[in-house]
Amino acid sequence: MIHKIFVIAGCFVLILLCNRPVRSAETTAADIALRHLAEQRQALGLTEADIADVVVSDYYTSDHTGVTHVYLRQRYQGIEVFSGNCNINLAPDGTLLSLGSDMVPNLARP
């Protein structure tokens, strides 16, 4: 439990340190969300293999706030991982507001 608290605290510190606008005309919210996940993967305890087959399961932009909510699903060898979800919330300029993840670490481990 303590380890998980430190991982979550570390994620918030990294979000604050790495938080910068990234949106351009050619970049989609999904691209931005996937990039933020890749940047935060170590803080989340994930390997490159753990996020190699992530897909966007849904996304929408709030008319009221302009925040884009992107939902990702973890897959391993093309099969969806049970509870392997991640939600990423982006400000209108692409800045990361929050990231929540239940993705499973070390999927490729024998």
Protein backbone atom coordinates (compact mmCIF):
# COMPACT_ATOMS: atom_id res chain seq x y z
CA MET A 1 0.00 0.00 0.00
CA ILE A 2 2.80 2.43 0.91
CA HIS A 3 4.59 1.60 -2.35
CA LYS A 4 1.46 2.45 -4.36
CA ILE A 5 1.12 5.78 -2.53
CA PHE A 6 4.71 6.67 -3.41
CA VAL A 7 4.16 5.69 -7.05
CA ILE A 8 1.04 7.87 -7.23
CA ALA A 9 2.85 10.78 -5.55
CA GLY A 10 5.74 10.35 -7.98
CA CYS A 11 3.33 10.46 -10.92
CA PHE A 12 1.91 13.77 -9.76
CA VAL A 13 5.40 15.23 -9.36
CA LEU A 14 6.32 14.10 -12.86
CA ILE A 15 3.10 15.51 -14.26
CA LEU A 16 3.90 18.87 -12.73
CA LEU A 17 7.49 18.81 -14.00
CA CYS A 18 6.63 17.60 -17.51
CA ASN A 19 3.39 19.52 -17.93
CA ARG A 20 3.67 21.61 -21.06
CA PRO A 21 1.37 22.48 -23.93
CA VAL A 22 1.72 20.14 -26.90
CA ARG A 23 -1.34 20.56 -29.10
CA SER A 24 -0.86 21.55 -32.72
CA ALA A 25 -3.12 21.43 -35.75
CA GLU A 26 -1.64 18.08 -36.82
CA THR A 27 -1.71 16.41 -33.40
CA THR A 28 -4.83 14.62 -32.18
CA ALA A 29 -5.93 14.22 -28.57
CA ALA A 30 -5.25 10.48 -28.87
CA ASP A 31 -1.66 11.14 -30.02
CA ILE A 32 -1.12 13.53 -27.13
CA ALA A 33 -2.61 11.08 -24.60
CA LEU A 34 -0.43 8.23 -25.87
CA ARG A 35 2.64 10.45 -25.65
CA HIS A 36 1.80 11.41 -22.06
CA LEU A 37 1.34 7.73 -21.17
CA ALA A 38 4.75 6.92 -22.67
CA GLU A 39 6.33 9.78 -20.70
CA GLN A 40 4.73 8.59 -17.43
CA ARG A 41 5.16 4.83 -17.93
CA GLN A 42 8.13 4.40 -15.57
CA ALA A 43 6.41 6.33 -12.79
CA LEU A 44 3.43 4.00 -13.29
CA GLY A 45 5.69 0.94 -13.04
CA LEU A 46 5.11 -0.02 -16.67
CA THR A 47 7.59 -1.26 -19.25
CA GLU A 48 7.67 -0.30 -22.92
CA ALA A 49 6.19 -3.74 -23.69
CA ASP A 50 3.29 -3.03 -21.29
CA ILE A 51 2.16 -0.06 -23.39
CA ALA A 52 3.22 -1.30 -26.83
CA ASP A 53 -0.31 -2.38 -27.82
CA VAL A 54 -2.46 0.28 -26.15
CA VAL A 55 -5.58 1.37 -28.03
CA VAL A 56 -7.95 4.30 -27.62
CA SER A 57 -11.27 2.89 -26.42
CA ASP A 58 -13.10 6.24 -26.29
CA TYR A 59 -12.64 9.99 -26.07
CA TYR A 60 -14.70 13.14 -25.97
CA THR A 61 -14.30 16.85 -25.38
CA SER A 62 -16.52 18.60 -22.85
CA ASP A 63 -18.43 21.49 -24.39
CA HIS A 64 -18.54 23.16 -20.99
CA THR A 65 -14.85 23.02 -19.99
CA GLY A 66 -13.05 22.22 -23.24
CA VAL A 67 -11.27 19.34 -21.44
CA THR A 68 -10.69 16.27 -23.59
CA HIS A 69 -11.08 12.91 -21.84
CA VAL A 70 -9.18 10.05 -23.50
CA TYR A 71 -9.71 6.43 -22.43
CA LEU A 72 -7.05 3.85 -23.26
CA ARG A 73 -7.17 0.05 -23.09
CA GLN A 74 -4.10 -2.10 -22.57
CA ARG A 75 -3.68 -5.15 -24.80
CA TYR A 76 -1.13 -7.94 -24.84
CA GLN A 77 -0.56 -9.83 -28.08
CA GLY A 78 -3.82 -8.35 -29.38
CA ILE A 79 -5.90 -9.50 -26.39
CA GLU A 80 -7.47 -6.89 -24.10
CA VAL A 81 -6.11 -7.01 -20.56
CA PHE A 82 -8.75 -7.29 -17.83
CA SER A 83 -8.96 -3.93 -16.02
CA GLY A 84 -6.07 -2.58 -18.11
CA ASN A 85 -7.55 0.89 -18.40
CA CYS A 86 -6.11 4.37 -18.35
CA ASN A 87 -7.89 7.73 -18.46
CA ILE A 88 -6.10 10.88 -19.48
CA ASN A 89 -7.57 14.37 -19.22
CA LEU A 90 -6.16 17.13 -21.42
CA ALA A 91 -6.64 20.89 -21.26
CA PRO A 92 -7.71 22.58 -24.52
CA ASP A 93 -4.03 23.33 -25.31
CA GLY A 94 -2.99 19.67 -24.80
CA THR A 95 -1.57 20.15 -21.32
CA LEU A 96 -1.93 17.07 -19.13
CA LEU A 97 -4.42 17.73 -16.34
CA SER A 98 -4.60 14.24 -14.85
CA LEU A 99 -3.83 10.62 -15.56
CA GLY A 100 -5.32 7.57 -13.85
CA SER A 101 -4.14 4.07 -14.63
CA ASP A 102 -5.03 0.50 -13.70
CA MET A 103 -2.73 -0.94 -16.36
CA VAL A 104 -1.02 -4.20 -15.46
CA PRO A 105 2.79 -4.05 -15.19
CA ASN A 106 5.26 -6.63 -16.51
CA LEU A 107 2.89 -8.41 -18.88
CA ALA A 108 5.70 -10.03 -20.86
CA ARG A 109 7.30 -11.53 -17.75
CA PRO A 110 7.30 -15.35 -17.89
